Amino acid sequence: MANTAQSKKRARQIETRTAVNKARRSRIRTHLRKVEEAIASGDKAAAAAALKAAQPELMRGVTKGVYHKNTASRKISRLAARVKAIA
């Protein structure tokens, strides 16, 4: 348990940041899920639109420290390849 005033403050700050990061991660996952659903349905136009919306969301997660840059790049690359492969 936090004893000093500073450690109590840090605990409060961590709680706030955790909530913000959790919401941001959830938002990103929602965008990724929309891309996955569009790919599964076989609708190339919808999948491309969903991917275009998901990319900035993912990269924003990188700048905010929720995801690592390479992780986001890898996810985008793999999704783009799958969207491109839709006949």
PDB file of N, CA and C in Angstrom:
ATOM      1  N   MET A   1       0.848  -1.195   0.000  1.00  0.00           N
ATOM      2  CA  MET A   1       0.000   0.000   0.000  1.00  0.00           C
ATOM      3  C   MET A   1       0.886   1.248   0.000  1.00  0.00           C
ATOM      4  N   ALA A   2       0.430   2.279  -0.706  1.00  0.00           N
ATOM      5  CA  ALA A   2       1.189   3.523  -0.798  1.00  0.00           C
ATOM      6  C   ALA A   2       1.217   4.225   0.551  1.00  0.00           C
ATOM      7  N   ASN A   3       2.384   4.694   0.944  1.00  0.00           N
ATOM      8  CA  ASN A   3       2.535   5.360   2.237  1.00  0.00           C
ATOM      9  C   ASN A   3       2.733   6.864   2.109  1.00  0.00           C
ATOM     10  N   THR A   4       3.668   7.254   1.247  1.00  0.00           N
ATOM     11  CA  THR A   4       3.967   8.681   1.133  1.00  0.00           C
ATOM     12  C   THR A   4       2.923   9.374   0.262  1.00  0.00           C
ATOM     13  N   ALA A   5       2.879  10.683   0.378  1.00  0.00           N
ATOM     14  CA  ALA A   5       1.935  11.468  -0.423  1.00  0.00           C
ATOM     15  C   ALA A   5       2.216  11.283  -1.911  1.00  0.00           C
ATOM     16  N   GLN A   6       3.506  11.259  -2.262  1.00  0.00           N
ATOM     17  CA  GLN A   6       3.882  11.101  -3.669  1.00  0.00           C
ATOM     18  C   GLN A   6       3.467   9.738  -4.218  1.00  0.00           C
ATOM     19  N   SER A   7       3.652   8.690  -3.430  1.00  0.00           N
ATOM     20  CA  SER A   7       3.284   7.352  -3.909  1.00  0.00           C
ATOM     21  C   SER A   7       1.763   7.213  -4.019  1.00  0.00           C
ATOM     22  N   LYS A   8       1.034   7.920  -3.148  1.00  0.00           N
ATOM     23  CA  LYS A   8      -0.435   7.917  -3.241  1.00  0.00           C
ATOM     24  C   LYS A   8      -0.877   8.624  -4.518  1.00  0.00           C
ATOM     25  N   LYS A   9      -0.214   9.743  -4.825  1.00  0.00           N
ATOM     26  CA  LYS A   9      -0.522  10.492  -6.035  1.00  0.00           C
ATOM     27  C   LYS A   9      -0.219   9.640  -7.278  1.00  0.00           C
ATOM     28  N   ARG A  10       0.940   8.961  -7.268  1.00  0.00           N
ATOM     29  CA  ARG A  10       1.317   8.110  -8.398  1.00  0.00           C
ATOM     30  C   ARG A  10       0.282   7.001  -8.584  1.00  0.00           C
ATOM     31  N   ALA A  11      -0.210   6.452  -7.503  1.00  0.00           N
ATOM     32  CA  ALA A  11      -1.216   5.391  -7.579  1.00  0.00           C
ATOM     33  C   ALA A  11      -2.492   5.915  -8.243  1.00  0.00           C
ATOM     34  N   ARG A  12      -2.884   7.146  -7.885  1.00  0.00           N
ATOM     35  CA  ARG A  12      -4.068   7.772  -8.508  1.00  0.00           C
ATOM     36  C   ARG A  12      -3.825   7.998  -9.997  1.00  0.00           C
ATOM     37  N   GLN A  13      -2.634   8.487 -10.340  1.00  0.00           N
ATOM     38  CA  GLN A  13      -2.305   8.762 -11.738  1.00  0.00           C
ATOM     39  C   GLN A  13      -2.306   7.474 -12.565  1.00  0.00           C
ATOM     40  N   ILE A  14      -1.741   6.415 -12.001  1.00  0.00           N
ATOM     41  CA  ILE A  14      -1.697   5.127 -12.698  1.00  0.00           C
ATOM     42  C   ILE A  14      -3.110   4.622 -12.961  1.00  0.00           C
ATOM     43  N   GLU A  15      -3.987   4.788 -11.983  1.00  0.00           N
ATOM     44  CA  GLU A  15      -5.383   4.363 -12.121  1.00  0.00           C
ATOM     45  C   GLU A  15      -6.047   5.083 -13.302  1.00  0.00           C
ATOM     46  N   THR A  16      -5.820   6.394 -13.384  1.00  0.00           N
ATOM     47  CA  THR A  16      -6.385   7.199 -14.467  1.00  0.00           C
ATOM     48  C   THR A  16      -5.825   6.774 -15.815  1.00  0.00           C
ATOM     49  N   ARG A  17      -4.487   6.631 -15.889  1.00  0.00           N
ATOM     50  CA  ARG A  17      -3.848   6.243 -17.150  1.00  0.00           C
ATOM     51  C   ARG A  17      -4.322   4.861 -17.599  1.00  0.00           C
ATOM     52  N   THR A  18      -4.487   3.951 -16.638  1.00  0.00           N
ATOM     53  CA  THR A  18      -4.942   2.599 -16.953  1.00  0.00           C
ATOM     54  C   THR A  18      -6.315   2.647 -17.607  1.00  0.00           C
ATOM     55  N   ALA A  19      -7.207   3.460 -17.061  1.00  0.00           N
ATOM     56  CA  ALA A  19      -8.557   3.587 -17.609  1.00  0.00           C
ATOM     57  C   ALA A  19      -8.512   4.159 -19.028  1.00  0.00           C
ATOM     58  N   VAL A  20      -7.676   5.178 -19.235  1.00  0.00           N
ATOM     59  CA  VAL A  20      -7.553   5.812 -20.555  1.00  0.00           C
ATOM     60  C   VAL A  20      -6.999   4.817 -21.565  1.00  0.00           C
ATOM     61  N   ASN A  21      -5.923   4.099 -21.172  1.00  0.00           N
ATOM     62  CA  ASN A  21      -5.292   3.141 -22.078  1.00  0.00           C
ATOM     63  C   ASN A  21      -6.229   1.985 -22.401  1.00  0.00           C
ATOM     64  N   LYS A  22      -7.017   1.575 -21.407  1.00  0.00           N
ATOM     65  CA  LYS A  22      -7.969   0.476 -21.600  1.00  0.00           C
ATOM     66  C   LYS A  22      -9.022   0.881 -22.636  1.00  0.00           C
ATOM     67  N   ALA A  23      -9.517   2.108 -22.521  1.00  0.00           N
ATOM     68  CA  ALA A  23     -10.514   2.617 -23.464  1.00  0.00           C
ATOM     69  C   ALA A  23      -9.914   2.713 -24.865  1.00  0.00           C
ATOM     70  N   ARG A  24      -8.668   3.192 -24.952  1.00  0.00           N
ATOM     71  CA  ARG A  24      -7.999   3.348 -26.239  1.00  0.00           C
ATOM     72  C   ARG A  24      -7.776   1.988 -26.897  1.00  0.00           C
ATOM     73  N   ARG A  25      -7.335   1.015 -26.100  1.00  0.00           N
ATOM     74  CA  ARG A  25      -7.092  -0.338 -26.609  1.00  0.00           C
ATOM     75  C   ARG A  25      -8.398  -0.963 -27.099  1.00  0.00           C
ATOM     76  N   SER A  26      -9.464  -0.730 -26.359  1.00  0.00           N
ATOM     77  CA  SER A  26     -10.781  -1.250 -26.730  1.00  0.00           C
ATOM     78  C   SER A  26     -11.238  -0.647 -28.059  1.00  0.00           C
ATOM     79  N   ARG A  27     -11.019   0.642 -28.211  1.00  0.00           N
ATOM     80  CA  ARG A  27     -11.399   1.351 -29.440  1.00  0.00           C
ATOM     81  C   ARG A  27     -10.643   0.797 -30.647  1.00  0.00           C
ATOM     82  N   ILE A  28      -9.346   0.531 -30.457  1.00  0.00           N
ATOM     83  CA  ILE A  28      -8.519  -0.024 -31.529  1.00  0.00           C
ATOM     84  C   ILE A  28      -9.008  -1.421 -31.888  1.00  0.00           C
ATOM     85  N   ARG A  29      -9.283  -2.237 -30.872  1.00  0.00           N
ATOM     86  CA  ARG A  29      -9.747  -3.609 -31.114  1.00  0.00           C
ATOM     87  C   ARG A  29     -11.067  -3.608 -31.876  1.00  0.00           C
ATOM     88  N   THR A  30     -11.936  -2.637 -31.572  1.00  0.00           N
ATOM     89  CA  THR A  30     -13.217  -2.527 -32.281  1.00  0.00           C
ATOM     90  C   THR A  30     -12.974  -2.276 -33.763  1.00  0.00           C
ATOM     91  N   HIS A  31     -12.051  -1.363 -34.064  1.00  0.00           N
ATOM     92  CA  HIS A  31     -11.723  -1.074 -35.463  1.00  0.00           C
ATOM     93  C   HIS A  31     -11.161  -2.320 -36.154  1.00  0.00           C
ATOM     94  N   LEU A  32     -10.281  -3.044 -35.462  1.00  0.00           N
ATOM     95  CA  LEU A  32      -9.689  -4.242 -36.041  1.00  0.00           C
ATOM     96  C   LEU A  32     -10.760  -5.309 -36.279  1.00  0.00           C
ATOM     97  N   ARG A  33     -11.700  -5.411 -35.349  1.00  0.00           N
ATOM     98  CA  ARG A  33     -12.778  -6.389 -35.487  1.00  0.00           C
ATOM     99  C   ARG A  33     -13.647  -6.074 -36.696  1.00  0.00           C
ATOM    100  N   LYS A  34     -13.881  -4.784 -36.945  1.00  0.00           N
ATOM    101  CA  LYS A  34     -14.671  -4.379 -38.111  1.00  0.00           C
ATOM    102  C   LYS A  34     -13.975  -4.794 -39.409  1.00  0.00           C
ATOM    103  N   VAL A  35     -12.649  -4.668 -39.436  1.00  0.00           N
ATOM    104  CA  VAL A  35     -11.889  -5.091 -40.615  1.00  0.00           C
ATOM    105  C   VAL A  35     -12.021  -6.604 -40.786  1.00  0.00           C
ATOM    106  N   GLU A  36     -11.856  -7.346 -39.694  1.00  0.00           N
ATOM    107  CA  GLU A  36     -11.960  -8.810 -39.726  1.00  0.00           C
ATOM    108  C   GLU A  36     -13.326  -9.250 -40.240  1.00  0.00           C
ATOM    109  N   GLU A  37     -14.379  -8.594 -39.762  1.00  0.00           N
ATOM    110  CA  GLU A  37     -15.735  -8.947 -40.180  1.00  0.00           C
ATOM    111  C   GLU A  37     -15.941  -8.665 -41.669  1.00  0.00           C
ATOM    112  N   ALA A  38     -15.411  -7.553 -42.138  1.00  0.00           N
ATOM    113  CA  ALA A  38     -15.535  -7.205 -43.554  1.00  0.00           C
ATOM    114  C   ALA A  38     -14.783  -8.216 -44.421  1.00  0.00           C
ATOM    115  N   ILE A  39     -13.613  -8.650 -43.949  1.00  0.00           N
ATOM    116  CA  ILE A  39     -12.834  -9.653 -44.684  1.00  0.00           C
ATOM    117  C   ILE A  39     -13.610 -10.971 -44.718  1.00  0.00           C
ATOM    118  N   ALA A  40     -14.191 -11.355 -43.581  1.00  0.00           N
ATOM    119  CA  ALA A  40     -14.943 -12.602 -43.484  1.00  0.00           C
ATOM    120  C   ALA A  40     -16.164 -12.591 -44.404  1.00  0.00           C
ATOM    121  N   SER A  41     -16.792 -11.423 -44.546  1.00  0.00           N
ATOM    122  CA  SER A  41     -17.977 -11.327 -45.397  1.00  0.00           C
ATOM    123  C   SER A  41     -17.607 -11.329 -46.882  1.00  0.00           C
ATOM    124  N   GLY A  42     -16.335 -11.062 -47.189  1.00  0.00           N
ATOM    125  CA  GLY A  42     -15.863 -11.082 -48.566  1.00  0.00           C
ATOM    126  C   GLY A  42     -16.115  -9.796 -49.324  1.00  0.00           C
ATOM    127  N   ASP A  43     -16.484  -8.741 -48.602  1.00  0.00           N
ATOM    128  CA  ASP A  43     -16.756  -7.444 -49.236  1.00  0.00           C
ATOM    129  C   ASP A  43     -15.463  -6.626 -49.273  1.00  0.00           C
ATOM    130  N   LYS A  44     -14.825  -6.575 -50.431  1.00  0.00           N
ATOM    131  CA  LYS A  44     -13.515  -5.926 -50.552  1.00  0.00           C
ATOM    132  C   LYS A  44     -13.597  -4.419 -50.289  1.00  0.00           C
ATOM    133  N   ALA A  45     -14.655  -3.767 -50.789  1.00  0.00           N
ATOM    134  CA  ALA A  45     -14.785  -2.321 -50.602  1.00  0.00           C
ATOM    135  C   ALA A  45     -14.954  -1.968 -49.129  1.00  0.00           C
ATOM    136  N   ALA A  46     -15.810  -2.733 -48.450  1.00  0.00           N
ATOM    137  CA  ALA A  46     -16.032  -2.483 -47.020  1.00  0.00           C
ATOM    138  C   ALA A  46     -14.775  -2.775 -46.210  1.00  0.00           C
ATOM    139  N   ALA A  47     -14.065  -3.841 -46.587  1.00  0.00           N
ATOM    140  CA  ALA A  47     -12.837  -4.207 -45.888  1.00  0.00           C
ATOM    141  C   ALA A  47     -11.774  -3.126 -46.060  1.00  0.00           C
ATOM    142  N   ALA A  48     -11.661  -2.594 -47.283  1.00  0.00           N
ATOM    143  CA  ALA A  48     -10.683  -1.538 -47.551  1.00  0.00           C
ATOM    144  C   ALA A  48     -11.020  -0.275 -46.771  1.00  0.00           C
ATOM    145  N   ALA A  49     -12.314   0.054 -46.707  1.00  0.00           N
ATOM    146  CA  ALA A  49     -12.749   1.240 -45.960  1.00  0.00           C
ATOM    147  C   ALA A  49     -12.486   1.065 -44.469  1.00  0.00           C
ATOM    148  N   ALA A  50     -12.772  -0.136 -43.959  1.00  0.00           N
ATOM    149  CA  ALA A  50     -12.558  -0.421 -42.537  1.00  0.00           C
ATOM    150  C   ALA A  50     -11.070  -0.366 -42.200  1.00  0.00           C
ATOM    151  N   LEU A  51     -10.242  -0.869 -43.112  1.00  0.00           N
ATOM    152  CA  LEU A  51      -8.790  -0.847 -42.899  1.00  0.00           C
ATOM    153  C   LEU A  51      -8.281   0.589 -42.902  1.00  0.00           C
ATOM    154  N   LYS A  52      -8.809   1.400 -43.805  1.00  0.00           N
ATOM    155  CA  LYS A  52      -8.395   2.802 -43.894  1.00  0.00           C
ATOM    156  C   LYS A  52      -8.751   3.554 -42.613  1.00  0.00           C
ATOM    157  N   ALA A  53      -9.872   3.167 -41.978  1.00  0.00           N
ATOM    158  CA  ALA A  53     -10.277   3.792 -40.720  1.00  0.00           C
ATOM    159  C   ALA A  53      -9.450   3.260 -39.543  1.00  0.00           C
ATOM    160  N   ALA A  54      -9.038   1.997 -39.638  1.00  0.00           N
ATOM    161  CA  ALA A  54      -8.314   1.361 -38.538  1.00  0.00           C
ATOM    162  C   ALA A  54      -6.850   1.799 -38.460  1.00  0.00           C
ATOM    163  N   GLN A  55      -6.243   2.094 -39.610  1.00  0.00           N
ATOM    164  CA  GLN A  55      -4.816   2.433 -39.637  1.00  0.00           C
ATOM    165  C   GLN A  55      -4.459   3.629 -38.747  1.00  0.00           C
ATOM    166  N   PRO A  56      -5.116   4.783 -38.898  1.00  0.00           N
ATOM    167  CA  PRO A  56      -4.741   5.909 -38.040  1.00  0.00           C
ATOM    168  C   PRO A  56      -5.023   5.636 -36.567  1.00  0.00           C
ATOM    169  N   GLU A  57      -6.058   4.849 -36.311  1.00  0.00           N
ATOM    170  CA  GLU A  57      -6.414   4.501 -34.931  1.00  0.00           C
ATOM    171  C   GLU A  57      -5.290   3.681 -34.303  1.00  0.00           C
ATOM    172  N   LEU A  58      -4.777   2.717 -35.042  1.00  0.00           N
ATOM    173  CA  LEU A  58      -3.678   1.879 -34.562  1.00  0.00           C
ATOM    174  C   LEU A  58      -2.406   2.702 -34.350  1.00  0.00           C
ATOM    175  N   MET A  59      -2.090   3.558 -35.311  1.00  0.00           N
ATOM    176  CA  MET A  59      -0.872   4.355 -35.186  1.00  0.00           C
ATOM    177  C   MET A  59      -0.987   5.393 -34.066  1.00  0.00           C
ATOM    178  N   ARG A  60      -2.195   5.852 -33.798  1.00  0.00           N
ATOM    179  CA  ARG A  60      -2.404   6.744 -32.664  1.00  0.00           C
ATOM    180  C   ARG A  60      -2.118   5.994 -31.367  1.00  0.00           C
ATOM    181  N   GLY A  61      -2.484   4.717 -31.337  1.00  0.00           N
ATOM    182  CA  GLY A  61      -2.174   3.876 -30.188  1.00  0.00           C
ATOM    183  C   GLY A  61      -0.678   3.757 -29.970  1.00  0.00           C
ATOM    184  N   VAL A  62       0.072   3.782 -31.060  1.00  0.00           N
ATOM    185  CA  VAL A  62       1.540   3.726 -30.971  1.00  0.00           C
ATOM    186  C   VAL A  62       2.066   5.010 -30.344  1.00  0.00           C
ATOM    187  N   THR A  63       1.589   6.162 -30.834  1.00  0.00           N
ATOM    188  CA  THR A  63       2.101   7.436 -30.314  1.00  0.00           C
ATOM    189  C   THR A  63       1.714   7.635 -28.852  1.00  0.00           C
ATOM    190  N   LYS A  64       0.598   7.015 -28.439  1.00  0.00           N
ATOM    191  CA  LYS A  64       0.146   7.144 -27.053  1.00  0.00           C
ATOM    192  C   LYS A  64       0.749   6.070 -26.149  1.00  0.00           C
ATOM    193  N   GLY A  65       1.530   5.181 -26.732  1.00  0.00           N
ATOM    194  CA  GLY A  65       2.240   4.194 -25.919  1.00  0.00           C
ATOM    195  C   GLY A  65       1.420   2.964 -25.573  1.00  0.00           C
ATOM    196  N   VAL A  66       0.321   2.717 -26.281  1.00  0.00           N
ATOM    197  CA  VAL A  66      -0.500   1.546 -26.003  1.00  0.00           C
ATOM    198  C   VAL A  66       0.069   0.327 -26.727  1.00  0.00           C
ATOM    199  N   TYR A  67       0.561   0.533 -27.947  1.00  0.00           N
ATOM    200  CA  TYR A  67       1.152  -0.539 -28.744  1.00  0.00           C
ATOM    201  C   TYR A  67       2.562  -0.152 -29.149  1.00  0.00           C
ATOM    202  N   HIS A  68       3.385  -1.163 -29.434  1.00  0.00           N
ATOM    203  CA  HIS A  68       4.709  -0.932 -29.975  1.00  0.00           C
ATOM    204  C   HIS A  68       4.577  -0.664 -31.475  1.00  0.00           C
ATOM    205  N   LYS A  69       5.473   0.145 -32.003  1.00  0.00           N
ATOM    206  CA  LYS A  69       5.403   0.548 -33.410  1.00  0.00           C
ATOM    207  C   LYS A  69       5.421  -0.656 -34.351  1.00  0.00           C
ATOM    208  N   ASN A  70       6.309  -1.612 -34.093  1.00  0.00           N
ATOM    209  CA  ASN A  70       6.421  -2.779 -34.972  1.00  0.00           C
ATOM    210  C   ASN A  70       5.172  -3.654 -34.906  1.00  0.00           C
ATOM    211  N   THR A  71       4.563  -3.738 -33.740  1.00  0.00           N
ATOM    212  CA  THR A  71       3.339  -4.529 -33.574  1.00  0.00           C
ATOM    213  C   THR A  71       2.232  -3.950 -34.439  1.00  0.00           C
ATOM    214  N   ALA A  72       2.055  -2.649 -34.370  1.00  0.00           N
ATOM    215  CA  ALA A  72       1.010  -1.983 -35.150  1.00  0.00           C
ATOM    216  C   ALA A  72       1.295  -2.122 -36.644  1.00  0.00           C
ATOM    217  N   SER A  73       2.545  -1.938 -37.038  1.00  0.00           N
ATOM    218  CA  SER A  73       2.917  -2.063 -38.443  1.00  0.00           C
ATOM    219  C   SER A  73       2.650  -3.469 -38.949  1.00  0.00           C
ATOM    220  N   ARG A  74       2.977  -4.461 -38.140  1.00  0.00           N
ATOM    221  CA  ARG A  74       2.755  -5.858 -38.503  1.00  0.00           C
ATOM    222  C   ARG A  74       1.265  -6.139 -38.692  1.00  0.00           C
ATOM    223  N   LYS A  75       0.446  -5.649 -37.748  1.00  0.00           N
ATOM    224  CA  LYS A  75      -1.006  -5.851 -37.830  1.00  0.00           C
ATOM    225  C   LYS A  75      -1.573  -5.216 -39.106  1.00  0.00           C
ATOM    226  N   ILE A  76      -1.162  -3.992 -39.378  1.00  0.00           N
ATOM    227  CA  ILE A  76      -1.647  -3.282 -40.566  1.00  0.00           C
ATOM    228  C   ILE A  76      -1.221  -4.021 -41.824  1.00  0.00           C
ATOM    229  N   SER A  77       0.032  -4.460 -41.871  1.00  0.00           N
ATOM    230  CA  SER A  77       0.565  -5.152 -43.035  1.00  0.00           C
ATOM    231  C   SER A  77      -0.207  -6.431 -43.311  1.00  0.00           C
ATOM    232  N   ARG A  78      -0.450  -7.215 -42.281  1.00  0.00           N
ATOM    233  CA  ARG A  78      -1.143  -8.489 -42.455  1.00  0.00           C
ATOM    234  C   ARG A  78      -2.598  -8.280 -42.867  1.00  0.00           C
ATOM    235  N   LEU A  79      -3.232  -7.282 -42.263  1.00  0.00           N
ATOM    236  CA  LEU A  79      -4.620  -6.990 -42.644  1.00  0.00           C
ATOM    237  C   LEU A  79      -4.695  -6.511 -44.093  1.00  0.00           C
ATOM    238  N   ALA A  80      -3.753  -5.657 -44.479  1.00  0.00           N
ATOM    239  CA  ALA A  80      -3.743  -5.119 -45.843  1.00  0.00           C
ATOM    240  C   ALA A  80      -3.567  -6.258 -46.845  1.00  0.00           C
ATOM    241  N   ALA A  81      -2.705  -7.210 -46.528  1.00  0.00           N
ATOM    242  CA  ALA A  81      -2.478  -8.350 -47.420  1.00  0.00           C
ATOM    243  C   ALA A  81      -3.743  -9.181 -47.549  1.00  0.00           C
ATOM    244  N   ARG A  82      -4.461  -9.356 -46.429  1.00  0.00           N
ATOM    245  CA  ARG A  82      -5.695 -10.146 -46.464  1.00  0.00           C
ATOM    246  C   ARG A  82      -6.792  -9.420 -47.236  1.00  0.00           C
ATOM    247  N   VAL A  83      -6.853  -8.092 -47.092  1.00  0.00           N
ATOM    248  CA  VAL A  83      -7.851  -7.305 -47.835  1.00  0.00           C
ATOM    249  C   VAL A  83      -7.535  -7.400 -49.327  1.00  0.00           C
ATOM    250  N   LYS A  84      -6.264  -7.284 -49.668  1.00  0.00           N
ATOM    251  CA  LYS A  84      -5.839  -7.346 -51.066  1.00  0.00           C
ATOM    252  C   LYS A  84      -6.151  -8.706 -51.689  1.00  0.00           C
ATOM    253  N   ALA A  85      -6.100  -9.766 -50.874  1.00  0.00           N
ATOM    254  CA  ALA A  85      -6.303 -11.122 -51.377  1.00  0.00           C
ATOM    255  C   ALA A  85      -7.779 -11.454 -51.653  1.00  0.00           C
ATOM    256  N   ILE A  86      -8.687 -10.592 -51.173  1.00  0.00           N
ATOM    257  CA  ILE A  86     -10.117 -10.858 -51.406  1.00  0.00           C
ATOM    258  C   ILE A  86     -10.381 -10.777 -52.911  1.00  0.00           C
ATOM    259  N   ALA A  87     -10.966 -11.869 -53.431  1.00  0.00           N
ATOM    260  CA  ALA A  87     -11.191 -11.934 -54.893  1.00  0.00           C
ATOM    261  C   ALA A  87     -12.404 -11.117 -55.294  1.00  0.00           C
TER     262      ALA A  87
END
